[in-house]
Amino acid sequence: MEMDPSALKKAARIAGFWYLIWGITGMYSLLYVPSKIMVRGDAVATGNNMLANEFLFRTLIVNDLINIVITMILVLALYRLFEPVNERQAKLMVAYLIVLAPAVFIMEAFNIASLMIFKGEILKTLELSQRQDVAMFFLKINDYATLTFHIFWGLWLFPLATLVYRSRFLPRFLGVWLAINGLAYLAIAFTGLLFPDYKDIVSNLAWPAIFGEFAFMLWLAIKGAKLQTVNSAPMQ
């Protein structure tokens, strides 16, 4: 299939735009809101922060729902961009990310439940300390769910890295960096599941590798595709 240079450039910019929005909403949920509310190992402090910042916590829930919609738009944009390179790898890339959508809705149900418990809207017959422990239980489940998300965030980067490397309209170093980025996510996930005491250490060591996604995102959004080296046929 011949790839039209102008259409390719447009598709790359569109994918880069949605990748950027996806990254911003993801950082809001993973970094900003938890830093304002969560206190590791302290149910009382976490509950107090949640009640004091209830609207902020509710924006987290809405943001996560928006993020999963953006995820679906993003993977479709990337599929359109890379399907001519290798259809099977493009479908695998989509599958690894879309599979997370149902889990997000379950996680948000746990977030809503934890907020209701901290506010005393449900489980009213329990003592305050017991309600706080139950609410933290739901939040802890979400912590481990996020670790499993890291597995799929890592896995989807491998077909994406392959597509970028083979595309010939994007720099190959981005493909290599994305593959390393995928390995970093897997290292964080399995360390958190198997050796939780070392998760923070591994996360700090893996942080530079995670910038592979940022580099790829910015390249698509700012530079787009290198039209002079567009591949004329899909690679099998």
C-alpha atoms as a PDB file:
ATOM      1  CA  MET A   1       0.000   0.000   0.000  1.00  0.00           C
ATOM      2  CA  GLU A   2       1.409   3.370  -1.048  1.00  0.00           C
ATOM      3  CA  MET A   3       1.485   5.925   1.744  1.00  0.00           C
ATOM      4  CA  ASP A   4       0.575   9.501   0.819  1.00  0.00           C
ATOM      5  CA  PRO A   5       3.142  11.895   2.373  1.00  0.00           C
ATOM      6  CA  SER A   6       0.652  14.610   3.307  1.00  0.00           C
ATOM      7  CA  ALA A   7      -1.814  12.114   4.792  1.00  0.00           C
ATOM      8  CA  LEU A   8       1.025  10.461   6.706  1.00  0.00           C
ATOM      9  CA  LYS A   9       2.194  13.760   8.159  1.00  0.00           C
ATOM     10  CA  LYS A  10      -1.362  14.634   9.202  1.00  0.00           C
ATOM     11  CA  ALA A  11      -1.891  11.216  10.786  1.00  0.00           C
ATOM     12  CA  ALA A  12       1.376  11.544  12.741  1.00  0.00           C
ATOM     13  CA  ARG A  13       0.434  14.987  14.064  1.00  0.00           C
ATOM     14  CA  ILE A  14      -3.047  13.818  15.081  1.00  0.00           C
ATOM     15  CA  ALA A  15      -1.613  10.806  16.910  1.00  0.00           C
ATOM     16  CA  GLY A  16       0.947  13.048  18.603  1.00  0.00           C
ATOM     17  CA  PHE A  17      -1.757  15.455  19.760  1.00  0.00           C
ATOM     18  CA  TRP A  18      -3.854  12.702  21.330  1.00  0.00           C
ATOM     19  CA  TYR A  19      -0.732  11.114  22.852  1.00  0.00           C
ATOM     20  CA  LEU A  20       0.064  14.460  24.494  1.00  0.00           C
ATOM     21  CA  ILE A  21      -3.448  14.812  25.941  1.00  0.00           C
ATOM     22  CA  TRP A  22      -3.310  11.184  27.093  1.00  0.00           C
ATOM     23  CA  GLY A  23      -0.016  11.826  28.861  1.00  0.00           C
ATOM     24  CA  ILE A  24      -1.284  14.952  30.623  1.00  0.00           C
ATOM     25  CA  THR A  25      -4.426  13.259  31.926  1.00  0.00           C
ATOM     26  CA  GLY A  26      -2.385  10.231  32.968  1.00  0.00           C
ATOM     27  CA  MET A  27       0.071  12.327  34.973  1.00  0.00           C
ATOM     28  CA  TYR A  28      -2.798  14.114  36.698  1.00  0.00           C
ATOM     29  CA  SER A  29      -4.198  10.795  37.947  1.00  0.00           C
ATOM     30  CA  LEU A  30      -0.929   9.028  38.700  1.00  0.00           C
ATOM     31  CA  LEU A  31       1.133  11.841  40.187  1.00  0.00           C
ATOM     32  CA  TYR A  32      -0.679  15.063  41.009  1.00  0.00           C
ATOM     33  CA  VAL A  33      -3.841  13.948  42.826  1.00  0.00           C
ATOM     34  CA  PRO A  34      -2.205  11.111  44.828  1.00  0.00           C
ATOM     35  CA  SER A  35       0.483  13.533  46.018  1.00  0.00           C
ATOM     36  CA  LYS A  36      -2.239  15.730  47.509  1.00  0.00           C
ATOM     37  CA  ILE A  37      -4.316  12.969  49.123  1.00  0.00           C
ATOM     38  CA  MET A  38      -2.543   9.667  49.678  1.00  0.00           C
ATOM     39  CA  VAL A  39      -0.417   9.100  52.781  1.00  0.00           C
ATOM     40  CA  ARG A  40       1.177   5.675  52.603  1.00  0.00           C
ATOM     41  CA  GLY A  41       0.247   3.451  55.533  1.00  0.00           C
ATOM     42  CA  ASP A  42      -1.863   6.104  57.264  1.00  0.00           C
ATOM     43  CA  ALA A  43      -5.613   5.613  56.827  1.00  0.00           C
ATOM     44  CA  VAL A  44      -6.496   8.531  59.111  1.00  0.00           C
ATOM     45  CA  ALA A  45      -4.342  11.075  57.263  1.00  0.00           C
ATOM     46  CA  THR A  46      -5.506   9.784  53.876  1.00  0.00           C
ATOM     47  CA  GLY A  47      -9.144   9.994  54.950  1.00  0.00           C
ATOM     48  CA  ASN A  48      -8.702  13.518  56.265  1.00  0.00           C
ATOM     49  CA  ASN A  49      -6.994  14.598  53.049  1.00  0.00           C
ATOM     50  CA  MET A  50      -9.723  13.031  50.952  1.00  0.00           C
ATOM     51  CA  LEU A  51     -12.467  14.786  52.904  1.00  0.00           C
ATOM     52  CA  ALA A  52     -10.605  18.091  52.799  1.00  0.00           C
ATOM     53  CA  ASN A  53     -10.033  17.722  49.046  1.00  0.00           C
ATOM     54  CA  GLU A  54     -13.190  15.914  48.040  1.00  0.00           C
ATOM     55  CA  PHE A  55     -13.665  17.863  44.820  1.00  0.00           C
ATOM     56  CA  LEU A  56     -10.058  17.182  43.815  1.00  0.00           C
ATOM     57  CA  PHE A  57     -10.602  13.465  44.387  1.00  0.00           C
ATOM     58  CA  ARG A  58     -13.781  13.567  42.310  1.00  0.00           C
ATOM     59  CA  THR A  59     -11.844  15.210  39.482  1.00  0.00           C
ATOM     60  CA  LEU A  60      -9.527  12.197  39.629  1.00  0.00           C
ATOM     61  CA  ILE A  61     -12.463   9.874  38.960  1.00  0.00           C
ATOM     62  CA  VAL A  62     -13.745  11.996  36.069  1.00  0.00           C
ATOM     63  CA  ASN A  63     -10.227  12.395  34.699  1.00  0.00           C
ATOM     64  CA  ASP A  64      -9.706   8.625  34.663  1.00  0.00           C
ATOM     65  CA  LEU A  65     -12.913   8.138  32.688  1.00  0.00           C
ATOM     66  CA  ILE A  66     -11.882  10.835  30.215  1.00  0.00           C
ATOM     67  CA  ASN A  67      -8.436   9.247  29.985  1.00  0.00           C
ATOM     68  CA  ILE A  68      -9.810   5.877  28.930  1.00  0.00           C
ATOM     69  CA  VAL A  69     -11.851   7.544  26.175  1.00  0.00           C
ATOM     70  CA  ILE A  70      -8.711   9.328  25.008  1.00  0.00           C
ATOM     71  CA  THR A  71      -6.901   5.984  25.132  1.00  0.00           C
ATOM     72  CA  MET A  72      -9.312   4.512  22.606  1.00  0.00           C
ATOM     73  CA  ILE A  73      -8.990   7.545  20.329  1.00  0.00           C
ATOM     74  CA  LEU A  74      -5.201   7.397  20.610  1.00  0.00           C
ATOM     75  CA  VAL A  75      -4.820   3.738  19.730  1.00  0.00           C
ATOM     76  CA  LEU A  76      -7.099   4.166  16.727  1.00  0.00           C
ATOM     77  CA  ALA A  77      -5.000   7.136  15.573  1.00  0.00           C
ATOM     78  CA  LEU A  78      -1.804   5.113  16.015  1.00  0.00           C
ATOM     79  CA  TYR A  79      -3.382   2.159  14.215  1.00  0.00           C
ATOM     80  CA  ARG A  80      -4.214   4.376  11.267  1.00  0.00           C
ATOM     81  CA  LEU A  81      -0.625   5.628  11.235  1.00  0.00           C
ATOM     82  CA  PHE A  82       1.105   2.256  11.511  1.00  0.00           C
ATOM     83  CA  GLU A  83      -1.301  -0.214   9.897  1.00  0.00           C
ATOM     84  CA  PRO A  84       0.481   0.125   6.509  1.00  0.00           C
ATOM     85  CA  VAL A  85       3.773  -0.824   8.194  1.00  0.00           C
ATOM     86  CA  ASN A  86       2.561  -4.099   9.705  1.00  0.00           C
ATOM     87  CA  GLU A  87      -1.114  -4.812  10.302  1.00  0.00           C
ATOM     88  CA  ARG A  88      -0.589  -7.639  12.788  1.00  0.00           C
ATOM     89  CA  GLN A  89       1.719  -5.623  15.020  1.00  0.00           C
ATOM     90  CA  ALA A  90      -0.675  -2.660  14.839  1.00  0.00           C
ATOM     91  CA  LYS A  91      -3.592  -4.850  15.954  1.00  0.00           C
ATOM     92  CA  LEU A  92      -1.510  -6.280  18.805  1.00  0.00           C
ATOM     93  CA  MET A  93      -0.643  -2.753  19.923  1.00  0.00           C
ATOM     94  CA  VAL A  94      -4.338  -1.844  20.032  1.00  0.00           C
ATOM     95  CA  ALA A  95      -5.314  -5.034  21.877  1.00  0.00           C
ATOM     96  CA  TYR A  96      -2.798  -4.567  24.703  1.00  0.00           C
ATOM     97  CA  LEU A  97      -4.106  -1.085  25.503  1.00  0.00           C
ATOM     98  CA  ILE A  98      -7.838  -1.467  24.901  1.00  0.00           C
ATOM     99  CA  VAL A  99      -7.988  -4.455  27.270  1.00  0.00           C
ATOM    100  CA  LEU A 100      -7.442  -2.039  30.171  1.00  0.00           C
ATOM    101  CA  ALA A 101     -10.706  -0.165  29.606  1.00  0.00           C
ATOM    102  CA  PRO A 102     -13.030  -2.449  31.641  1.00  0.00           C
ATOM    103  CA  ALA A 103     -10.586  -2.503  34.556  1.00  0.00           C
ATOM    104  CA  VAL A 104     -10.627   1.304  34.754  1.00  0.00           C
ATOM    105  CA  PHE A 105     -14.381   1.355  35.386  1.00  0.00           C
ATOM    106  CA  ILE A 106     -13.956  -1.181  38.207  1.00  0.00           C
ATOM    107  CA  MET A 107     -11.184   0.915  39.758  1.00  0.00           C
ATOM    108  CA  GLU A 108     -13.348   4.014  39.690  1.00  0.00           C
ATOM    109  CA  ALA A 109     -16.106   2.093  41.463  1.00  0.00           C
ATOM    110  CA  PHE A 110     -13.585   1.313  44.226  1.00  0.00           C
ATOM    111  CA  ASN A 111     -12.569   5.001  44.366  1.00  0.00           C
ATOM    112  CA  ILE A 112     -16.193   6.084  44.743  1.00  0.00           C
ATOM    113  CA  ALA A 113     -16.761   3.420  47.407  1.00  0.00           C
ATOM    114  CA  SER A 114     -13.720   4.557  49.402  1.00  0.00           C
ATOM    115  CA  LEU A 115     -14.930   8.171  49.308  1.00  0.00           C
ATOM    116  CA  MET A 116     -18.410   7.166  50.473  1.00  0.00           C
ATOM    117  CA  ILE A 117     -16.923   5.138  53.320  1.00  0.00           C
ATOM    118  CA  PHE A 118     -14.648   7.969  54.468  1.00  0.00           C
ATOM    119  CA  LYS A 119     -17.678  10.301  54.433  1.00  0.00           C
ATOM    120  CA  GLY A 120     -19.720   7.830  56.484  1.00  0.00           C
ATOM    121  CA  GLU A 121     -22.392   7.407  53.806  1.00  0.00           C
ATOM    122  CA  ILE A 122     -22.152   3.608  53.932  1.00  0.00           C
ATOM    123  CA  LEU A 123     -21.051   1.008  56.514  1.00  0.00           C
ATOM    124  CA  LYS A 124     -22.404   3.321  59.231  1.00  0.00           C
ATOM    125  CA  THR A 125     -22.623   0.489  61.754  1.00  0.00           C
ATOM    126  CA  LEU A 126     -18.839   0.115  61.795  1.00  0.00           C
ATOM    127  CA  GLU A 127     -16.537   2.075  64.047  1.00  0.00           C
ATOM    128  CA  LEU A 128     -14.684   5.005  62.469  1.00  0.00           C
ATOM    129  CA  SER A 129     -11.362   3.172  62.533  1.00  0.00           C
ATOM    130  CA  GLN A 130     -12.948   0.138  60.890  1.00  0.00           C
ATOM    131  CA  ARG A 131     -14.469   2.264  58.133  1.00  0.00           C
ATOM    132  CA  GLN A 132     -11.103   3.883  57.512  1.00  0.00           C
ATOM    133  CA  ASP A 133      -9.462   0.482  57.216  1.00  0.00           C
ATOM    134  CA  VAL A 134     -12.085  -0.710  54.729  1.00  0.00           C
ATOM    135  CA  ALA A 135     -11.716   2.461  52.664  1.00  0.00           C
ATOM    136  CA  MET A 136      -7.939   2.016  52.610  1.00  0.00           C
ATOM    137  CA  PHE A 137      -8.487  -1.586  51.531  1.00  0.00           C
ATOM    138  CA  PHE A 138     -10.255  -0.362  48.384  1.00  0.00           C
ATOM    139  CA  LEU A 139      -7.539   2.187  47.709  1.00  0.00           C
ATOM    140  CA  LYS A 140      -4.868  -0.474  48.205  1.00  0.00           C
ATOM    141  CA  ILE A 141      -6.599  -2.690  45.660  1.00  0.00           C
ATOM    142  CA  ASN A 142      -6.339   0.206  43.212  1.00  0.00           C
ATOM    143  CA  ASP A 143      -2.623   0.506  43.964  1.00  0.00           C
ATOM    144  CA  TYR A 144      -2.080  -3.101  42.944  1.00  0.00           C
ATOM    145  CA  ALA A 145      -4.378  -2.672  39.957  1.00  0.00           C
ATOM    146  CA  THR A 146      -2.136   0.175  38.812  1.00  0.00           C
ATOM    147  CA  LEU A 147       0.841  -2.185  39.033  1.00  0.00           C
ATOM    148  CA  THR A 148      -0.929  -4.650  36.749  1.00  0.00           C
ATOM    149  CA  PHE A 149      -1.651  -1.735  34.419  1.00  0.00           C
ATOM    150  CA  HIS A 150       2.118  -1.220  34.235  1.00  0.00           C
ATOM    151  CA  ILE A 151       2.383  -4.681  32.691  1.00  0.00           C
ATOM    152  CA  PHE A 152       0.091  -3.743  29.822  1.00  0.00           C
ATOM    153  CA  TRP A 153       1.625  -0.271  29.540  1.00  0.00           C
ATOM    154  CA  GLY A 154       4.883  -2.120  28.996  1.00  0.00           C
ATOM    155  CA  LEU A 155       3.547  -4.810  26.666  1.00  0.00           C
ATOM    156  CA  TRP A 156       1.837  -2.415  24.248  1.00  0.00           C
ATOM    157  CA  LEU A 157       5.106  -0.552  23.763  1.00  0.00           C
ATOM    158  CA  PHE A 158       6.812  -3.601  22.223  1.00  0.00           C
ATOM    159  CA  PRO A 159       4.640  -3.779  19.079  1.00  0.00           C
ATOM    160  CA  LEU A 160       4.682   0.025  18.957  1.00  0.00           C
ATOM    161  CA  ALA A 161       8.487  -0.012  19.166  1.00  0.00           C
ATOM    162  CA  THR A 162       8.620  -2.590  16.374  1.00  0.00           C
ATOM    163  CA  LEU A 163       6.363  -0.473  14.187  1.00  0.00           C
ATOM    164  CA  VAL A 164       8.394   2.683  14.805  1.00  0.00           C
ATOM    165  CA  TYR A 165      11.661   0.858  14.112  1.00  0.00           C
ATOM    166  CA  ARG A 166      10.367  -0.632  10.853  1.00  0.00           C
ATOM    167  CA  SER A 167       8.403   2.390   9.691  1.00  0.00           C
ATOM    168  CA  ARG A 168      11.258   4.284   7.996  1.00  0.00           C
ATOM    169  CA  PHE A 169       9.324   7.514   8.479  1.00  0.00           C
ATOM    170  CA  LEU A 170      10.349   7.870  12.156  1.00  0.00           C
ATOM    171  CA  PRO A 171      13.831   7.680  13.698  1.00  0.00           C
ATOM    172  CA  ARG A 172      14.828   4.171  14.696  1.00  0.00           C
ATOM    173  CA  PHE A 173      16.255   5.357  18.007  1.00  0.00           C
ATOM    174  CA  LEU A 174      12.681   6.125  19.089  1.00  0.00           C
ATOM    175  CA  GLY A 175      11.750   2.497  18.492  1.00  0.00           C
ATOM    176  CA  VAL A 176      14.691   1.310  20.588  1.00  0.00           C
ATOM    177  CA  TRP A 177      13.843   3.777  23.351  1.00  0.00           C
ATOM    178  CA  LEU A 178      10.200   2.671  23.375  1.00  0.00           C
ATOM    179  CA  ALA A 179      11.275  -0.964  23.776  1.00  0.00           C
ATOM    180  CA  ILE A 180      13.479   0.005  26.730  1.00  0.00           C
ATOM    181  CA  ASN A 181      10.543   2.003  28.091  1.00  0.00           C
ATOM    182  CA  GLY A 182       8.400  -1.137  27.908  1.00  0.00           C
ATOM    183  CA  LEU A 183      11.003  -3.129  29.820  1.00  0.00           C
ATOM    184  CA  ALA A 184      11.092  -0.411  32.484  1.00  0.00           C
ATOM    185  CA  TYR A 185       7.326  -0.643  33.016  1.00  0.00           C
ATOM    186  CA  LEU A 186       7.551  -4.419  33.326  1.00  0.00           C
ATOM    187  CA  ALA A 187      10.419  -4.115  35.826  1.00  0.00           C
ATOM    188  CA  ILE A 188       8.382  -1.715  37.976  1.00  0.00           C
ATOM    189  CA  ALA A 189       5.289  -3.918  37.816  1.00  0.00           C
ATOM    190  CA  PHE A 190       6.927  -7.222  38.690  1.00  0.00           C
ATOM    191  CA  THR A 191       9.105  -5.685  41.378  1.00  0.00           C
ATOM    192  CA  GLY A 192       6.023  -4.126  42.975  1.00  0.00           C
ATOM    193  CA  LEU A 193       4.170  -7.443  42.857  1.00  0.00           C
ATOM    194  CA  LEU A 194       7.027  -9.723  43.932  1.00  0.00           C
ATOM    195  CA  PHE A 195       9.328  -7.477  45.987  1.00  0.00           C
ATOM    196  CA  PRO A 196       7.248  -4.445  47.064  1.00  0.00           C
ATOM    197  CA  ASP A 197       9.943  -3.137  49.408  1.00  0.00           C
ATOM    198  CA  TYR A 198      12.166  -2.478  46.381  1.00  0.00           C
ATOM    199  CA  LYS A 199       9.539  -0.941  44.107  1.00  0.00           C
ATOM    200  CA  ASP A 200      10.537   2.665  44.797  1.00  0.00           C
ATOM    201  CA  ILE A 201      14.195   1.887  44.125  1.00  0.00           C
ATOM    202  CA  VAL A 202      13.412   0.241  40.795  1.00  0.00           C
ATOM    203  CA  SER A 203      11.012   3.055  39.863  1.00  0.00           C
ATOM    204  CA  ASN A 204      13.721   5.657  40.450  1.00  0.00           C
ATOM    205  CA  LEU A 205      16.240   3.685  38.408  1.00  0.00           C
ATOM    206  CA  ALA A 206      13.755   3.109  35.587  1.00  0.00           C
ATOM    207  CA  TRP A 207      12.555   6.711  35.399  1.00  0.00           C
ATOM    208  CA  PRO A 208      14.985   7.841  32.617  1.00  0.00           C
ATOM    209  CA  ALA A 209      13.815   4.984  30.394  1.00  0.00           C
ATOM    210  CA  ILE A 210      10.193   6.091  30.753  1.00  0.00           C
ATOM    211  CA  PHE A 211      11.027   9.298  28.893  1.00  0.00           C
ATOM    212  CA  GLY A 212      10.975   7.192  25.718  1.00  0.00           C
ATOM    213  CA  GLU A 213       7.241   7.722  25.499  1.00  0.00           C
ATOM    214  CA  PHE A 214       7.640  11.462  26.021  1.00  0.00           C
ATOM    215  CA  ALA A 215      10.248  11.641  23.269  1.00  0.00           C
ATOM    216  CA  PHE A 216       8.007   9.702  20.886  1.00  0.00           C
ATOM    217  CA  MET A 217       4.978  11.818  21.820  1.00  0.00           C
ATOM    218  CA  LEU A 218       6.770  15.112  21.249  1.00  0.00           C
ATOM    219  CA  TRP A 219       8.340  13.901  18.000  1.00  0.00           C
ATOM    220  CA  LEU A 220       4.929  13.028  16.577  1.00  0.00           C
ATOM    221  CA  ALA A 221       3.292  16.245  17.781  1.00  0.00           C
ATOM    222  CA  ILE A 222       6.082  18.614  16.721  1.00  0.00           C
ATOM    223  CA  LYS A 223       7.999  17.014  13.856  1.00  0.00           C
ATOM    224  CA  GLY A 224       5.528  14.463  12.530  1.00  0.00           C
ATOM    225  CA  ALA A 225       6.834  12.002   9.934  1.00  0.00           C
ATOM    226  CA  LYS A 226       9.921  12.291   7.743  1.00  0.00           C
ATOM    227  CA  LEU A 227       8.206  12.318   4.403  1.00  0.00           C
ATOM    228  CA  GLN A 228      11.335  11.837   2.337  1.00  0.00           C
ATOM    229  CA  THR A 229      11.862   8.334   3.778  1.00  0.00           C
ATOM    230  CA  VAL A 230       8.290   7.008   3.706  1.00  0.00           C
ATOM    231  CA  ASN A 231       8.121   3.295   3.209  1.00  0.00           C
ATOM    232  CA  SER A 232       6.255   2.425   0.055  1.00  0.00           C
ATOM    233  CA  ALA A 233       4.942  -0.944   1.162  1.00  0.00           C
ATOM    234  CA  PRO A 234       3.961  -2.655   4.358  1.00  0.00           C
ATOM    235  CA  MET A 235       6.567  -4.905   5.925  1.00  0.00           C
ATOM    236  CA  GLN A 236       5.514  -8.441   6.759  1.00  0.00           C
END
